[in-house]
Amino acid sequence: MVHTFAGGLPGLTLESVVVIVAVWAMWRNPTVRAFAIAFGALALAADILDLISPGHPELRALLAFNSAFFILTLVRVFQRTVRAETVTEDSLYGAACVYLLIGLTWSYAYYAAWGVSQAAFSTAGGGVLKAWPDFVYFSFTTLSTLGYGDIIPIAPAVRSMVILEVIVGVFFVAVIISKLVSLYRFR
């Protein structure tokens, strides 16, 4: 089955903007900057390859760089958020961004797993998984513990990934809320 990157060229353009903004946000530290540029370039290369040649064998390996890039980004944003000395708009936006980055990171991991084995997932009601947005949907329903059940993880490795995502999502919300509450100062 042929699958393609989300939204074709508009989706690729949006992803490019996200990568550029994330790299810019990590620009101060030279080491982190080098990794951000490398992972970001490889992530965009994976998206371009997926757009041009869906199902290409090298695509599976390159998709791992999408997750690596988002992991690097979310770690840096999380560090800035928890280092805040008081609750500000930036710390609240940072917490929201980290939560969204967690979902996007897992969506690429699921997409890569599906690229390796299309039997890793099943769908209820005869639906067909076609592209990365299917895994964005699956990731955020998993992260939020909503779990509609219309996409079902079948492979044991993918089931383990789902369990880890739920744990990360629940613990992140608990940790970040407790951190922000502890920083809040009545004026």
C-alpha atoms as a PDB file:
ATOM      1  CA  MET A   1       0.000   0.000   0.000  1.00  0.00           C
ATOM      2  CA  VAL A   2       1.286   3.447  -0.908  1.00  0.00           C
ATOM      3  CA  HIS A   3       1.284   6.085   1.808  1.00  0.00           C
ATOM      4  CA  THR A   4       2.324   9.714   1.601  1.00  0.00           C
ATOM      5  CA  PHE A   5       3.281  12.640   3.756  1.00  0.00           C
ATOM      6  CA  ALA A   6       0.499  14.727   5.235  1.00  0.00           C
ATOM      7  CA  GLY A   7      -1.114  17.188   2.887  1.00  0.00           C
ATOM      8  CA  GLY A   8       1.401  16.949   0.072  1.00  0.00           C
ATOM      9  CA  LEU A   9       3.291  20.153  -0.646  1.00  0.00           C
ATOM     10  CA  PRO A  10       1.293  22.352   1.807  1.00  0.00           C
ATOM     11  CA  GLY A  11       2.002  19.857   4.605  1.00  0.00           C
ATOM     12  CA  LEU A  12       5.678  19.800   3.688  1.00  0.00           C
ATOM     13  CA  THR A  13       5.760  23.611   3.701  1.00  0.00           C
ATOM     14  CA  LEU A  14       4.184  23.696   7.161  1.00  0.00           C
ATOM     15  CA  GLU A  15       6.627  21.097   8.450  1.00  0.00           C
ATOM     16  CA  SER A  16       9.516  23.141   7.011  1.00  0.00           C
ATOM     17  CA  VAL A  17       8.331  26.220   8.898  1.00  0.00           C
ATOM     18  CA  VAL A  18       8.065  24.200  12.128  1.00  0.00           C
ATOM     19  CA  VAL A  19      11.608  22.844  11.674  1.00  0.00           C
ATOM     20  CA  ILE A  20      13.044  26.293  10.916  1.00  0.00           C
ATOM     21  CA  VAL A  21      11.341  27.879  13.936  1.00  0.00           C
ATOM     22  CA  ALA A  22      12.460  25.028  16.204  1.00  0.00           C
ATOM     23  CA  VAL A  23      16.058  25.271  15.005  1.00  0.00           C
ATOM     24  CA  TRP A  24      15.960  29.051  15.532  1.00  0.00           C
ATOM     25  CA  ALA A  25      14.670  28.498  19.089  1.00  0.00           C
ATOM     26  CA  MET A  26      17.660  26.232  19.808  1.00  0.00           C
ATOM     27  CA  TRP A  27      20.229  28.501  18.148  1.00  0.00           C
ATOM     28  CA  ARG A  28      22.124  29.695  21.267  1.00  0.00           C
ATOM     29  CA  ASN A  29      23.838  26.421  22.157  1.00  0.00           C
ATOM     30  CA  PRO A  30      26.267  25.427  19.336  1.00  0.00           C
ATOM     31  CA  THR A  31      26.106  21.685  20.078  1.00  0.00           C
ATOM     32  CA  VAL A  32      22.319  21.605  20.246  1.00  0.00           C
ATOM     33  CA  ARG A  33      22.181  23.815  17.150  1.00  0.00           C
ATOM     34  CA  ALA A  34      24.306  21.314  15.187  1.00  0.00           C
ATOM     35  CA  PHE A  35      22.064  18.401  16.207  1.00  0.00           C
ATOM     36  CA  ALA A  36      18.921  20.434  15.490  1.00  0.00           C
ATOM     37  CA  ILE A  37      20.134  21.346  12.006  1.00  0.00           C
ATOM     38  CA  ALA A  38      21.217  17.766  11.248  1.00  0.00           C
ATOM     39  CA  PHE A  39      18.052  16.106  12.580  1.00  0.00           C
ATOM     40  CA  GLY A  40      15.840  18.798  11.062  1.00  0.00           C
ATOM     41  CA  ALA A  41      17.461  18.405   7.637  1.00  0.00           C
ATOM     42  CA  LEU A  42      17.120  14.616   7.780  1.00  0.00           C
ATOM     43  CA  ALA A  43      13.503  14.921   8.961  1.00  0.00           C
ATOM     44  CA  LEU A  44      12.689  17.187   6.022  1.00  0.00           C
ATOM     45  CA  ALA A  45      14.543  14.796   3.696  1.00  0.00           C
ATOM     46  CA  ALA A  46      12.286  11.986   4.949  1.00  0.00           C
ATOM     47  CA  ASP A  47       9.187  14.085   4.314  1.00  0.00           C
ATOM     48  CA  ILE A  48      10.375  15.013   0.809  1.00  0.00           C
ATOM     49  CA  LEU A  49      11.181  11.364   0.028  1.00  0.00           C
ATOM     50  CA  ASP A  50       7.755  10.342   1.329  1.00  0.00           C
ATOM     51  CA  LEU A  51       6.144  12.957  -0.919  1.00  0.00           C
ATOM     52  CA  ILE A  52       8.153  12.012  -4.021  1.00  0.00           C
ATOM     53  CA  SER A  53       8.479   8.257  -3.583  1.00  0.00           C
ATOM     54  CA  PRO A  54       5.966   6.871  -1.069  1.00  0.00           C
ATOM     55  CA  GLY A  55       6.970   3.550   0.416  1.00  0.00           C
ATOM     56  CA  HIS A  56      10.651   3.969  -0.523  1.00  0.00           C
ATOM     57  CA  PRO A  57      12.802   1.484   1.490  1.00  0.00           C
ATOM     58  CA  GLU A  58      15.123   4.153   2.942  1.00  0.00           C
ATOM     59  CA  LEU A  59      12.102   6.103   4.147  1.00  0.00           C
ATOM     60  CA  ARG A  60      11.664   3.899   7.214  1.00  0.00           C
ATOM     61  CA  ALA A  61      15.131   4.758   8.486  1.00  0.00           C
ATOM     62  CA  LEU A  62      14.772   8.460   7.728  1.00  0.00           C
ATOM     63  CA  LEU A  63      11.450   8.699   9.573  1.00  0.00           C
ATOM     64  CA  ALA A  64      13.322   8.011  12.806  1.00  0.00           C
ATOM     65  CA  PHE A  65      14.932  11.439  12.387  1.00  0.00           C
ATOM     66  CA  ASN A  66      11.513  13.105  12.559  1.00  0.00           C
ATOM     67  CA  SER A  67      11.047  11.609  16.015  1.00  0.00           C
ATOM     68  CA  ALA A  68      14.661  12.438  16.972  1.00  0.00           C
ATOM     69  CA  PHE A  69      14.176  16.056  15.902  1.00  0.00           C
ATOM     70  CA  PHE A  70      10.944  16.431  17.860  1.00  0.00           C
ATOM     71  CA  ILE A  71      12.492  14.726  20.916  1.00  0.00           C
ATOM     72  CA  LEU A  72      15.385  17.202  20.838  1.00  0.00           C
ATOM     73  CA  THR A  73      12.956  20.102  20.462  1.00  0.00           C
ATOM     74  CA  LEU A  74      10.624  18.972  23.226  1.00  0.00           C
ATOM     75  CA  VAL A  75      13.518  18.346  25.631  1.00  0.00           C
ATOM     76  CA  ARG A  76      14.841  21.877  25.056  1.00  0.00           C
ATOM     77  CA  VAL A  77      11.401  23.468  25.466  1.00  0.00           C
ATOM     78  CA  PHE A  78      10.702  21.331  28.548  1.00  0.00           C
ATOM     79  CA  GLN A  79      14.018  22.410  30.104  1.00  0.00           C
ATOM     80  CA  ARG A  80      13.158  26.062  29.601  1.00  0.00           C
ATOM     81  CA  THR A  81       9.669  25.540  30.984  1.00  0.00           C
ATOM     82  CA  VAL A  82      10.715  23.793  34.199  1.00  0.00           C
ATOM     83  CA  ARG A  83      13.577  26.238  34.798  1.00  0.00           C
ATOM     84  CA  ALA A  84      11.128  29.138  34.996  1.00  0.00           C
ATOM     85  CA  GLU A  85      11.147  30.850  38.363  1.00  0.00           C
ATOM     86  CA  THR A  86       7.553  32.028  38.134  1.00  0.00           C
ATOM     87  CA  VAL A  87       4.524  31.281  35.991  1.00  0.00           C
ATOM     88  CA  THR A  88       4.576  33.427  32.875  1.00  0.00           C
ATOM     89  CA  GLU A  89       2.877  33.293  29.517  1.00  0.00           C
ATOM     90  CA  ASP A  90       6.057  31.734  28.146  1.00  0.00           C
ATOM     91  CA  SER A  91       6.032  28.929  30.715  1.00  0.00           C
ATOM     92  CA  LEU A  92       2.378  28.183  29.954  1.00  0.00           C
ATOM     93  CA  TYR A  93       2.989  28.242  26.197  1.00  0.00           C
ATOM     94  CA  GLY A  94       6.080  26.093  26.716  1.00  0.00           C
ATOM     95  CA  ALA A  95       4.083  23.487  28.635  1.00  0.00           C
ATOM     96  CA  ALA A  96       1.441  23.392  25.896  1.00  0.00           C
ATOM     97  CA  CYS A  97       4.135  23.111  23.205  1.00  0.00           C
ATOM     98  CA  VAL A  98       5.816  20.216  24.989  1.00  0.00           C
ATOM     99  CA  TYR A  99       2.506  18.343  25.188  1.00  0.00           C
ATOM    100  CA  LEU A 100       1.915  18.880  21.459  1.00  0.00           C
ATOM    101  CA  LEU A 101       5.505  17.889  20.643  1.00  0.00           C
ATOM    102  CA  ILE A 102       5.061  14.661  22.629  1.00  0.00           C
ATOM    103  CA  GLY A 103       2.065  13.784  20.447  1.00  0.00           C
ATOM    104  CA  LEU A 104       3.891  14.638  17.218  1.00  0.00           C
ATOM    105  CA  THR A 105       6.973  12.676  18.259  1.00  0.00           C
ATOM    106  CA  TRP A 106       4.924   9.556  18.897  1.00  0.00           C
ATOM    107  CA  SER A 107       2.986  10.047  15.634  1.00  0.00           C
ATOM    108  CA  TYR A 108       6.229   9.766  13.664  1.00  0.00           C
ATOM    109  CA  ALA A 109       7.295   6.738  15.692  1.00  0.00           C
ATOM    110  CA  TYR A 110       3.974   5.027  14.884  1.00  0.00           C
ATOM    111  CA  TYR A 111       4.232   6.069  11.241  1.00  0.00           C
ATOM    112  CA  ALA A 112       7.738   4.579  11.062  1.00  0.00           C
ATOM    113  CA  ALA A 113       6.518   1.349  12.710  1.00  0.00           C
ATOM    114  CA  TRP A 114       3.691   1.163  10.181  1.00  0.00           C
ATOM    115  CA  GLY A 115       6.215   1.729   7.385  1.00  0.00           C
ATOM    116  CA  VAL A 116       8.170  -1.288   8.619  1.00  0.00           C
ATOM    117  CA  SER A 117       5.107  -3.499   8.993  1.00  0.00           C
ATOM    118  CA  GLN A 118       1.660  -2.502   7.829  1.00  0.00           C
ATOM    119  CA  ALA A 119       0.323  -5.384   9.937  1.00  0.00           C
ATOM    120  CA  ALA A 120       1.451  -3.536  13.084  1.00  0.00           C
ATOM    121  CA  PHE A 121      -1.920  -1.752  13.139  1.00  0.00           C
ATOM    122  CA  SER A 122      -5.465  -2.729  12.333  1.00  0.00           C
ATOM    123  CA  THR A 123      -8.557  -0.623  11.877  1.00  0.00           C
ATOM    124  CA  ALA A 124     -12.076  -1.204  13.096  1.00  0.00           C
ATOM    125  CA  GLY A 125     -14.845  -1.071  10.551  1.00  0.00           C
ATOM    126  CA  GLY A 126     -12.645  -1.762   7.539  1.00  0.00           C
ATOM    127  CA  GLY A 127     -10.889   1.616   7.539  1.00  0.00           C
ATOM    128  CA  VAL A 128      -7.563   1.981   5.783  1.00  0.00           C
ATOM    129  CA  LEU A 129      -4.489   3.730   7.155  1.00  0.00           C
ATOM    130  CA  LYS A 130      -3.050   5.923   4.423  1.00  0.00           C
ATOM    131  CA  ALA A 131      -0.698   8.568   5.719  1.00  0.00           C
ATOM    132  CA  TRP A 132       0.996  10.294   8.637  1.00  0.00           C
ATOM    133  CA  PRO A 133      -2.175  12.224   9.710  1.00  0.00           C
ATOM    134  CA  ASP A 134      -3.757   8.884  10.623  1.00  0.00           C
ATOM    135  CA  PHE A 135      -0.954   8.437  13.148  1.00  0.00           C
ATOM    136  CA  VAL A 136      -1.215  12.012  14.417  1.00  0.00           C
ATOM    137  CA  TYR A 137      -4.851  11.205  15.220  1.00  0.00           C
ATOM    138  CA  PHE A 138      -3.891   7.881  16.810  1.00  0.00           C
ATOM    139  CA  SER A 139      -1.090   9.463  18.836  1.00  0.00           C
ATOM    140  CA  PHE A 140      -3.214  12.257  20.289  1.00  0.00           C
ATOM    141  CA  THR A 141      -6.114   9.938  21.152  1.00  0.00           C
ATOM    142  CA  THR A 142      -3.558   7.721  22.906  1.00  0.00           C
ATOM    143  CA  LEU A 143      -1.718  10.600  24.618  1.00  0.00           C
ATOM    144  CA  SER A 144      -4.948  12.054  25.958  1.00  0.00           C
ATOM    145  CA  THR A 145      -6.084   8.531  26.989  1.00  0.00           C
ATOM    146  CA  LEU A 146      -9.237   9.052  24.926  1.00  0.00           C
ATOM    147  CA  GLY A 147      -8.599   6.007  22.722  1.00  0.00           C
ATOM    148  CA  TYR A 148     -11.556   5.752  20.334  1.00  0.00           C
ATOM    149  CA  GLY A 149     -10.478   2.250  19.321  1.00  0.00           C
ATOM    150  CA  ASP A 150     -10.815   2.724  15.570  1.00  0.00           C
ATOM    151  CA  ILE A 151      -7.057   2.206  15.100  1.00  0.00           C
ATOM    152  CA  ILE A 152      -5.766  -0.812  16.981  1.00  0.00           C
ATOM    153  CA  PRO A 153      -2.112  -1.621  17.711  1.00  0.00           C
ATOM    154  CA  ILE A 154      -1.484  -5.269  16.845  1.00  0.00           C
ATOM    155  CA  ALA A 155       2.292  -5.792  16.981  1.00  0.00           C
ATOM    156  CA  PRO A 156       3.700  -6.311  20.495  1.00  0.00           C
ATOM    157  CA  ALA A 157       6.329  -3.585  19.968  1.00  0.00           C
ATOM    158  CA  VAL A 158       3.657  -1.086  18.957  1.00  0.00           C
ATOM    159  CA  ARG A 159       1.500  -2.058  21.932  1.00  0.00           C
ATOM    160  CA  SER A 160       4.495  -1.327  24.153  1.00  0.00           C
ATOM    161  CA  MET A 161       4.915   2.033  22.443  1.00  0.00           C
ATOM    162  CA  VAL A 162       1.267   2.833  23.180  1.00  0.00           C
ATOM    163  CA  ILE A 163       1.696   1.985  26.863  1.00  0.00           C
ATOM    164  CA  LEU A 164       4.776   4.211  27.068  1.00  0.00           C
ATOM    165  CA  GLU A 165       2.973   7.100  25.372  1.00  0.00           C
ATOM    166  CA  VAL A 166       0.074   6.886  27.827  1.00  0.00           C
ATOM    167  CA  ILE A 167       2.489   6.841  30.775  1.00  0.00           C
ATOM    168  CA  VAL A 168       4.467   9.796  29.376  1.00  0.00           C
ATOM    169  CA  GLY A 169       1.267  11.767  28.733  1.00  0.00           C
ATOM    170  CA  VAL A 170      -0.219  11.187  32.180  1.00  0.00           C
ATOM    171  CA  PHE A 171       3.051  11.852  34.006  1.00  0.00           C
ATOM    172  CA  PHE A 172       3.775  14.954  31.949  1.00  0.00           C
ATOM    173  CA  VAL A 173       0.426  16.494  32.834  1.00  0.00           C
ATOM    174  CA  ALA A 174       0.892  15.641  36.526  1.00  0.00           C
ATOM    175  CA  VAL A 175       4.470  16.933  36.652  1.00  0.00           C
ATOM    176  CA  ILE A 176       3.917  20.127  34.698  1.00  0.00           C
ATOM    177  CA  ILE A 177       0.757  21.077  36.600  1.00  0.00           C
ATOM    178  CA  SER A 178       2.468  20.504  39.943  1.00  0.00           C
ATOM    179  CA  LYS A 179       5.509  22.513  38.794  1.00  0.00           C
ATOM    180  CA  LEU A 180       3.407  25.426  37.538  1.00  0.00           C
ATOM    181  CA  VAL A 181       1.239  25.426  40.668  1.00  0.00           C
ATOM    182  CA  SER A 182       4.359  25.497  42.859  1.00  0.00           C
ATOM    183  CA  LEU A 183       5.682  28.504  40.903  1.00  0.00           C
ATOM    184  CA  TYR A 184       2.453  30.495  41.042  1.00  0.00           C
ATOM    185  CA  ARG A 185       2.645  33.566  43.243  1.00  0.00           C
ATOM    186  CA  PHE A 186      -0.445  35.457  44.366  1.00  0.00           C
ATOM    187  CA  ARG A 187      -0.108  39.149  43.633  1.00  0.00           C
END
